[in-house]
Amino acid sequence: MAEKITVDGRCHCGSIEVTAQVDPGMVIACHCTDCQMIGGGPYRAVAISDAEDLSITGTPSEYIKVAESGNKRIQAFCGDCGTQLYACDENKQQFNIRTGFLNQSAVLVPKKHIFASSALHWITDIEDDPCFEKGPGSALIQLKQ
């Protein structure tokens, strides 16, 4: 594990601020169809943070999504401007912070890709990165080319 760095950001309207410690080696791009739909893009990049390393100012709105695995995942966003903030487990122990609103987003480059089986066919610039068919414990696959 690399040394953790401090990241911070705020939603578009400024009512919610997030500060966290993350391992830049644990940045993941999720290509699942839920991330494509909810995020409005081809995938969502996240940086992983443990609850004790996270500080949130303001009150995010939350939506509970049931994953393909049956696990419940809390999706948090600003209820005013809609900025997506994070996803986490029901117990709020580990947070997948959306990198797009973070001030350090340029250095938070995904190191692995999950749900690559749902990746859009035109995404070809990541074929040298580890790509997992589904979640992190699933089979490694080659992205569609």
N, C-alpha and C. Protein backbone atom coordinates (compact mmCIF):
# COMPACT_ATOMS: atom_id res chain seq x y z
N MET A 1 0.84 -1.18 0.00
CA MET A 1 0.00 0.00 0.00
C MET A 1 0.89 1.24 0.00
N ALA A 2 0.55 2.18 -0.87
CA ALA A 2 1.29 3.45 -0.95
C ALA A 2 0.90 4.34 0.23
N GLU A 3 1.67 5.36 0.41
CA GLU A 3 1.37 6.32 1.47
C GLU A 3 0.09 7.08 1.10
N LYS A 4 -0.76 7.26 2.08
CA LYS A 4 -2.02 7.97 1.83
C LYS A 4 -1.77 9.45 1.62
N ILE A 5 -2.65 10.05 0.82
CA ILE A 5 -2.61 11.49 0.59
C ILE A 5 -3.93 12.09 1.05
N THR A 6 -3.91 13.36 1.35
CA THR A 6 -5.13 14.07 1.73
C THR A 6 -5.79 14.62 0.48
N VAL A 7 -7.09 14.36 0.38
CA VAL A 7 -7.88 14.91 -0.73
C VAL A 7 -9.02 15.73 -0.14
N ASP A 8 -9.47 16.69 -0.91
CA ASP A 8 -10.59 17.50 -0.45
C ASP A 8 -11.35 18.03 -1.65
N GLY A 9 -12.60 18.34 -1.41
CA GLY A 9 -13.42 18.90 -2.47
C GLY A 9 -14.76 19.32 -1.91
N ARG A 10 -15.52 19.95 -2.77
CA ARG A 10 -16.86 20.36 -2.35
C ARG A 10 -17.79 20.19 -3.53
N CYS A 11 -19.06 20.10 -3.23
CA CYS A 11 -20.06 19.95 -4.28
C CYS A 11 -20.13 21.24 -5.10
N HIS A 12 -20.83 21.21 -6.20
CA HIS A 12 -20.89 22.35 -7.11
C HIS A 12 -21.42 23.61 -6.44
N CYS A 13 -22.44 23.46 -5.58
CA CYS A 13 -23.01 24.64 -4.92
C CYS A 13 -22.28 25.03 -3.64
N GLY A 14 -21.36 24.18 -3.17
CA GLY A 14 -20.54 24.49 -2.01
C GLY A 14 -21.15 24.15 -0.66
N SER A 15 -22.31 23.50 -0.63
CA SER A 15 -22.94 23.22 0.66
C SER A 15 -22.39 21.98 1.35
N ILE A 16 -21.66 21.13 0.63
CA ILE A 16 -21.07 19.93 1.23
C ILE A 16 -19.59 19.89 0.90
N GLU A 17 -18.77 19.68 1.93
CA GLU A 17 -17.33 19.56 1.75
C GLU A 17 -16.87 18.21 2.27
N VAL A 18 -15.90 17.63 1.58
CA VAL A 18 -15.35 16.33 1.97
C VAL A 18 -13.83 16.46 2.03
N THR A 19 -13.25 15.91 3.10
CA THR A 19 -11.80 15.78 3.24
C THR A 19 -11.54 14.33 3.63
N ALA A 20 -10.52 13.72 3.03
CA ALA A 20 -10.25 12.31 3.33
C ALA A 20 -8.79 11.99 3.10
N GLN A 21 -8.39 10.88 3.65
CA GLN A 21 -7.09 10.28 3.39
C GLN A 21 -7.36 9.09 2.46
N VAL A 22 -6.65 9.03 1.34
CA VAL A 22 -6.84 7.93 0.39
C VAL A 22 -5.48 7.42 -0.07
N ASP A 23 -5.46 6.18 -0.48
CA ASP A 23 -4.27 5.58 -1.08
C ASP A 23 -4.39 5.80 -2.59
N PRO A 24 -3.51 6.59 -3.20
CA PRO A 24 -3.61 6.84 -4.64
C PRO A 24 -3.45 5.57 -5.49
N GLY A 25 -2.95 4.51 -4.90
CA GLY A 25 -2.84 3.23 -5.59
C GLY A 25 -4.13 2.44 -5.57
N MET A 26 -5.12 2.92 -4.84
CA MET A 26 -6.42 2.24 -4.74
C MET A 26 -7.53 3.07 -5.39
N VAL A 27 -7.25 3.61 -6.54
CA VAL A 27 -8.27 4.33 -7.30
C VAL A 27 -8.80 3.36 -8.34
N ILE A 28 -10.11 3.23 -8.39
CA ILE A 28 -10.77 2.23 -9.23
C ILE A 28 -11.76 2.91 -10.16
N ALA A 29 -11.84 2.43 -11.39
CA ALA A 29 -12.88 2.86 -12.32
C ALA A 29 -13.92 1.74 -12.39
N CYS A 30 -15.17 2.09 -12.12
CA CYS A 30 -16.25 1.11 -12.18
C CYS A 30 -17.04 1.32 -13.46
N HIS A 31 -17.15 0.25 -14.25
CA HIS A 31 -17.83 0.28 -15.53
C HIS A 31 -19.21 -0.38 -15.47
N CYS A 32 -19.74 -0.64 -14.28
CA CYS A 32 -21.04 -1.30 -14.21
C CYS A 32 -22.12 -0.41 -14.82
N THR A 33 -23.19 -1.03 -15.25
CA THR A 33 -24.25 -0.27 -15.91
C THR A 33 -24.93 0.69 -14.94
N ASP A 34 -24.95 0.37 -13.66
CA ASP A 34 -25.51 1.32 -12.67
C ASP A 34 -24.67 2.58 -12.61
N CYS A 35 -23.34 2.45 -12.58
CA CYS A 35 -22.47 3.63 -12.55
C CYS A 35 -22.61 4.44 -13.83
N GLN A 36 -22.77 3.76 -14.96
CA GLN A 36 -22.98 4.47 -16.21
C GLN A 36 -24.28 5.28 -16.16
N MET A 37 -25.34 4.67 -15.64
CA MET A 37 -26.63 5.35 -15.60
C MET A 37 -26.65 6.47 -14.56
N ILE A 38 -26.24 6.16 -13.34
CA ILE A 38 -26.28 7.14 -12.26
C ILE A 38 -25.29 8.28 -12.53
N GLY A 39 -24.12 7.92 -13.06
CA GLY A 39 -23.08 8.92 -13.28
C GLY A 39 -23.20 9.69 -14.58
N GLY A 40 -24.01 9.17 -15.51
CA GLY A 40 -24.17 9.86 -16.78
C GLY A 40 -22.93 9.83 -17.64
N GLY A 41 -22.08 8.83 -17.46
CA GLY A 41 -20.85 8.73 -18.23
C GLY A 41 -20.48 7.27 -18.43
N PRO A 42 -19.35 7.00 -19.07
CA PRO A 42 -18.97 5.62 -19.37
C PRO A 42 -18.50 4.81 -18.15
N TYR A 43 -18.05 5.48 -17.11
CA TYR A 43 -17.66 4.83 -15.87
C TYR A 43 -17.50 5.90 -14.79
N ARG A 44 -17.34 5.46 -13.54
CA ARG A 44 -17.08 6.39 -12.45
C ARG A 44 -15.78 5.99 -11.77
N ALA A 45 -14.94 6.98 -11.53
CA ALA A 45 -13.68 6.75 -10.82
C ALA A 45 -13.89 7.06 -9.35
N VAL A 46 -13.35 6.19 -8.49
CA VAL A 46 -13.50 6.36 -7.05
C VAL A 46 -12.16 6.16 -6.36
N ALA A 47 -11.98 6.87 -5.25
CA ALA A 47 -10.83 6.68 -4.37
C ALA A 47 -11.39 6.13 -3.06
N ILE A 48 -10.74 5.12 -2.52
CA ILE A 48 -11.23 4.41 -1.33
C ILE A 48 -10.73 5.10 -0.07
N SER A 49 -11.65 5.29 0.89
CA SER A 49 -11.29 5.86 2.19
C SER A 49 -12.03 5.12 3.29
N ASP A 50 -11.35 4.86 4.39
CA ASP A 50 -12.00 4.29 5.56
C ASP A 50 -12.72 5.39 6.32
N ALA A 51 -13.75 5.03 7.06
CA ALA A 51 -14.58 6.00 7.78
C ALA A 51 -13.75 6.90 8.69
N GLU A 52 -12.75 6.34 9.36
CA GLU A 52 -11.96 7.14 10.30
C GLU A 52 -11.08 8.17 9.59
N ASP A 53 -10.91 8.02 8.28
CA ASP A 53 -10.09 8.95 7.50
C ASP A 53 -10.92 9.95 6.71
N LEU A 54 -12.20 10.05 7.01
CA LEU A 54 -13.12 10.87 6.22
C LEU A 54 -13.83 11.89 7.09
N SER A 55 -13.96 13.10 6.57
CA SER A 55 -14.70 14.16 7.24
C SER A 55 -15.65 14.79 6.23
N ILE A 56 -16.92 14.93 6.62
CA ILE A 56 -17.93 15.52 5.75
C ILE A 56 -18.58 16.68 6.49
N THR A 57 -18.63 17.84 5.83
CA THR A 57 -19.32 19.01 6.35
C THR A 57 -20.54 19.22 5.47
N GLY A 58 -21.70 19.33 6.09
CA GLY A 58 -22.95 19.42 5.35
C GLY A 58 -23.67 18.09 5.43
N THR A 59 -24.85 18.02 4.85
CA THR A 59 -25.66 16.81 4.94
C THR A 59 -25.99 16.29 3.55
N PRO A 60 -25.30 15.23 3.12
CA PRO A 60 -25.60 14.64 1.82
C PRO A 60 -26.98 13.97 1.82
N SER A 61 -27.60 13.95 0.66
CA SER A 61 -28.79 13.13 0.46
C SER A 61 -28.29 11.73 0.14
N GLU A 62 -29.10 10.72 0.49
CA GLU A 62 -28.68 9.35 0.27
C GLU A 62 -29.77 8.54 -0.44
N TYR A 63 -29.32 7.62 -1.24
CA TYR A 63 -30.17 6.70 -1.97
C TYR A 63 -29.57 5.32 -1.78
N ILE A 64 -30.36 4.33 -1.41
CA ILE A 64 -29.83 2.97 -1.23
C ILE A 64 -30.12 2.17 -2.48
N LYS A 65 -29.05 1.69 -3.09
CA LYS A 65 -29.12 0.89 -4.31
C LYS A 65 -28.78 -0.55 -3.94
N VAL A 66 -29.54 -1.49 -4.47
CA VAL A 66 -29.24 -2.90 -4.28
C VAL A 66 -28.40 -3.35 -5.47
N ALA A 67 -27.19 -3.79 -5.18
CA ALA A 67 -26.25 -4.21 -6.23
C ALA A 67 -26.66 -5.56 -6.80
N GLU A 68 -26.06 -5.90 -7.92
CA GLU A 68 -26.30 -7.20 -8.57
C GLU A 68 -26.02 -8.35 -7.59
N SER A 69 -25.07 -8.15 -6.67
CA SER A 69 -24.72 -9.16 -5.67
C SER A 69 -25.77 -9.29 -4.57
N GLY A 70 -26.69 -8.33 -4.50
CA GLY A 70 -27.68 -8.31 -3.43
C GLY A 70 -27.28 -7.40 -2.28
N ASN A 71 -26.03 -6.93 -2.29
CA ASN A 71 -25.56 -6.01 -1.25
C ASN A 71 -26.21 -4.64 -1.43
N LYS A 72 -26.51 -4.00 -0.31
CA LYS A 72 -27.04 -2.65 -0.35
C LYS A 72 -25.89 -1.66 -0.29
N ARG A 73 -25.92 -0.67 -1.18
CA ARG A 73 -24.88 0.37 -1.24
C ARG A 73 -25.56 1.73 -1.11
N ILE A 74 -25.06 2.53 -0.19
CA ILE A 74 -25.56 3.89 -0.04
C ILE A 74 -24.89 4.76 -1.08
N GLN A 75 -25.66 5.47 -1.86
CA GLN A 75 -25.17 6.43 -2.86
C GLN A 75 -25.45 7.81 -2.29
N ALA A 76 -24.44 8.65 -2.13
CA ALA A 76 -24.62 9.97 -1.53
C ALA A 76 -24.33 11.06 -2.55
N PHE A 77 -25.14 12.10 -2.48
CA PHE A 77 -25.03 13.22 -3.41
C PHE A 77 -25.56 14.48 -2.73
N CYS A 78 -25.26 15.62 -3.30
CA CYS A 78 -25.80 16.87 -2.78
C CYS A 78 -27.25 16.96 -3.24
N GLY A 79 -28.14 17.14 -2.30
CA GLY A 79 -29.55 17.26 -2.61
C GLY A 79 -29.92 18.57 -3.29
N ASP A 80 -29.01 19.54 -3.26
CA ASP A 80 -29.27 20.83 -3.90
C ASP A 80 -28.77 20.86 -5.35
N CYS A 81 -27.50 20.53 -5.55
CA CYS A 81 -26.91 20.65 -6.90
C CYS A 81 -26.74 19.32 -7.61
N GLY A 82 -26.87 18.20 -6.89
CA GLY A 82 -26.78 16.88 -7.51
C GLY A 82 -25.40 16.28 -7.62
N THR A 83 -24.36 16.98 -7.15
CA THR A 83 -22.99 16.45 -7.24
C THR A 83 -22.93 15.10 -6.53
N GLN A 84 -22.40 14.09 -7.23
CA GLN A 84 -22.22 12.77 -6.63
C GLN A 84 -20.99 12.80 -5.74
N LEU A 85 -21.14 12.30 -4.52
CA LEU A 85 -20.08 12.41 -3.53
C LEU A 85 -19.38 11.08 -3.24
N TYR A 86 -20.14 10.05 -2.92
CA TYR A 86 -19.55 8.76 -2.56
C TYR A 86 -20.60 7.67 -2.56
N ALA A 87 -20.12 6.44 -2.47
CA ALA A 87 -20.93 5.27 -2.19
C ALA A 87 -20.27 4.59 -1.00
N CYS A 88 -21.07 3.91 -0.20
CA CYS A 88 -20.50 3.20 0.95
C CYS A 88 -21.40 2.04 1.34
N ASP A 89 -20.86 1.19 2.21
CA ASP A 89 -21.62 0.07 2.73
C ASP A 89 -22.66 0.59 3.73
N GLU A 90 -23.60 -0.26 4.08
CA GLU A 90 -24.68 0.15 4.99
C GLU A 90 -24.17 0.63 6.34
N ASN A 91 -23.04 0.10 6.79
CA ASN A 91 -22.49 0.47 8.10
C ASN A 91 -21.57 1.69 8.02
N LYS A 92 -21.38 2.21 6.82
CA LYS A 92 -20.54 3.38 6.59
C LYS A 92 -19.13 3.21 7.16
N GLN A 93 -18.52 2.08 6.79
CA GLN A 93 -17.15 1.79 7.22
C GLN A 93 -16.11 2.11 6.16
N GLN A 94 -16.50 1.93 4.89
CA GLN A 94 -15.57 2.22 3.79
C GLN A 94 -16.32 3.01 2.72
N PHE A 95 -15.67 4.05 2.22
CA PHE A 95 -16.30 4.98 1.29
C PHE A 95 -15.57 4.97 -0.04
N ASN A 96 -16.32 4.91 -1.11
CA ASN A 96 -15.81 5.06 -2.47
C ASN A 96 -16.11 6.49 -2.88
N ILE A 97 -15.14 7.36 -2.72
CA ILE A 97 -15.34 8.78 -2.98
C ILE A 97 -15.21 9.04 -4.47
N ARG A 98 -16.21 9.69 -5.05
CA ARG A 98 -16.18 10.04 -6.47
C ARG A 98 -15.07 11.06 -6.68
N THR A 99 -14.18 10.80 -7.59
CA THR A 99 -13.00 11.65 -7.74
C THR A 99 -13.27 12.96 -8.48
N GLY A 100 -14.34 13.03 -9.24
CA GLY A 100 -14.59 14.19 -10.10
C GLY A 100 -14.72 15.51 -9.38
N PHE A 101 -15.21 15.51 -8.14
CA PHE A 101 -15.38 16.77 -7.41
C PHE A 101 -14.19 17.10 -6.51
N LEU A 102 -13.21 16.22 -6.47
CA LEU A 102 -12.06 16.45 -5.61
C LEU A 102 -11.04 17.38 -6.27
N ASN A 103 -10.42 18.23 -5.48
CA ASN A 103 -9.39 19.14 -6.00
C ASN A 103 -8.18 18.39 -6.55
N GLN A 104 -7.97 17.18 -6.11
CA GLN A 104 -6.82 16.37 -6.52
C GLN A 104 -7.18 15.36 -7.61
N SER A 105 -8.29 15.55 -8.30
CA SER A 105 -8.76 14.55 -9.27
C SER A 105 -7.72 14.24 -10.35
N ALA A 106 -6.89 15.19 -10.71
CA ALA A 106 -5.90 14.97 -11.78
C ALA A 106 -4.86 13.92 -11.40
N VAL A 107 -4.59 13.75 -10.11
CA VAL A 107 -3.58 12.77 -9.69
C VAL A 107 -4.20 11.45 -9.26
N LEU A 108 -5.52 11.37 -9.24
CA LEU A 108 -6.22 10.15 -8.82
C LEU A 108 -6.57 9.32 -10.05
N VAL A 109 -5.55 8.72 -10.63
CA VAL A 109 -5.69 7.94 -11.86
C VAL A 109 -6.09 6.51 -11.51
N PRO A 110 -7.16 5.98 -12.11
CA PRO A 110 -7.55 4.60 -11.82
C PRO A 110 -6.41 3.62 -12.12
N LYS A 111 -6.22 2.69 -11.17
CA LYS A 111 -5.18 1.67 -11.30
C LYS A 111 -5.76 0.32 -11.70
N LYS A 112 -7.07 0.16 -11.52
CA LYS A 112 -7.74 -1.06 -11.94
C LYS A 112 -9.17 -0.71 -12.30
N HIS A 113 -9.78 -1.60 -13.06
CA HIS A 113 -11.12 -1.38 -13.59
C HIS A 113 -11.99 -2.56 -13.22
N ILE A 114 -13.18 -2.26 -12.69
CA ILE A 114 -14.10 -3.33 -12.31
C ILE A 114 -15.35 -3.25 -13.19
N PHE A 115 -16.03 -4.38 -13.28
CA PHE A 115 -17.19 -4.55 -14.15
C PHE A 115 -16.83 -4.21 -15.60
N ALA A 116 -15.61 -4.66 -15.97
CA ALA A 116 -15.12 -4.43 -17.33
C ALA A 116 -15.99 -5.14 -18.36
N SER A 117 -16.75 -6.15 -17.93
CA SER A 117 -17.64 -6.83 -18.87
C SER A 117 -18.73 -5.89 -19.38
N SER A 118 -18.96 -4.78 -18.66
CA SER A 118 -19.96 -3.78 -19.08
C SER A 118 -19.30 -2.56 -19.71
N ALA A 119 -17.98 -2.56 -19.85
CA ALA A 119 -17.28 -1.40 -20.39
C ALA A 119 -17.74 -1.14 -21.83
N LEU A 120 -17.87 0.11 -22.17
CA LEU A 120 -18.25 0.48 -23.52
C LEU A 120 -17.13 0.11 -24.50
N HIS A 121 -17.49 -0.36 -25.67
CA HIS A 121 -16.53 -0.92 -26.62
C HIS A 121 -15.47 0.08 -27.07
N TRP A 122 -15.75 1.37 -27.00
CA TRP A 122 -14.79 2.36 -27.48
C TRP A 122 -13.76 2.78 -26.44
N ILE A 123 -13.85 2.23 -25.24
CA ILE A 123 -12.84 2.53 -24.22
C ILE A 123 -11.68 1.57 -24.43
N THR A 124 -10.59 2.08 -24.98
CA THR A 124 -9.44 1.23 -25.30
C THR A 124 -8.14 1.73 -24.71
N ASP A 125 -8.16 2.87 -24.04
CA ASP A 125 -6.91 3.44 -23.53
C ASP A 125 -6.51 2.89 -22.17
N ILE A 126 -7.23 1.88 -21.69
CA ILE A 126 -6.92 1.33 -20.36
C ILE A 126 -6.59 -0.15 -20.42
N GLU A 127 -6.35 -0.67 -21.62
CA GLU A 127 -6.17 -2.11 -21.77
C GLU A 127 -4.95 -2.66 -21.05
N ASP A 128 -3.99 -1.81 -20.66
CA ASP A 128 -2.82 -2.30 -19.93
C ASP A 128 -3.05 -2.38 -18.42
N ASP A 129 -4.18 -1.84 -17.94
CA ASP A 129 -4.52 -1.89 -16.52
C ASP A 129 -5.25 -3.19 -16.20
N PRO A 130 -5.19 -3.66 -14.94
CA PRO A 130 -5.98 -4.84 -14.57
C PRO A 130 -7.47 -4.53 -14.72
N CYS A 131 -8.18 -5.40 -15.42
CA CYS A 131 -9.62 -5.23 -15.65
C CYS A 131 -10.33 -6.49 -15.16
N PHE A 132 -11.23 -6.32 -14.22
CA PHE A 132 -11.94 -7.44 -13.63
C PHE A 132 -13.33 -7.55 -14.24
N GLU A 133 -13.75 -8.77 -14.53
CA GLU A 133 -15.04 -9.00 -15.17
C GLU A 133 -16.17 -8.35 -14.37
N LYS A 134 -16.16 -8.54 -13.08
CA LYS A 134 -17.19 -7.94 -12.21
C LYS A 134 -16.46 -7.18 -11.10
N GLY A 135 -16.63 -7.59 -9.84
CA GLY A 135 -15.98 -6.92 -8.72
C GLY A 135 -14.51 -7.29 -8.62
N PRO A 136 -13.81 -6.71 -7.65
CA PRO A 136 -12.36 -6.91 -7.51
C PRO A 136 -11.93 -8.37 -7.37
N GLY A 137 -12.80 -9.24 -6.86
CA GLY A 137 -12.42 -10.64 -6.68
C GLY A 137 -12.75 -11.52 -7.88
N SER A 138 -13.28 -10.95 -8.95
CA SER A 138 -13.67 -11.76 -10.10
C SER A 138 -12.51 -11.97 -11.06
N ALA A 139 -12.79 -12.66 -12.14
CA ALA A 139 -11.76 -13.00 -13.12
C ALA A 139 -11.24 -11.77 -13.84
N LEU A 140 -9.93 -11.79 -14.12
CA LEU A 140 -9.32 -10.75 -14.95
C LEU A 140 -9.71 -11.01 -16.41
N ILE A 141 -10.07 -9.93 -17.12
CA ILE A 141 -10.43 -10.10 -18.52
C ILE A 141 -9.76 -9.00 -19.35
N GLN A 142 -9.74 -9.20 -20.64
CA GLN A 142 -9.27 -8.19 -21.59
C GLN A 142 -10.48 -7.34 -21.96
N LEU A 143 -10.30 -6.03 -21.98
CA LEU A 143 -11.41 -5.16 -22.41
C LEU A 143 -11.73 -5.44 -23.85
N LYS A 144 -12.99 -5.22 -24.20
CA LYS A 144 -13.44 -5.39 -25.59
C LYS A 144 -12.64 -4.48 -26.51
N GLN A 145 -12.27 -4.97 -27.65
CA GLN A 145 -11.50 -4.15 -28.59
C GLN A 145 -12.11 -4.26 -29.96
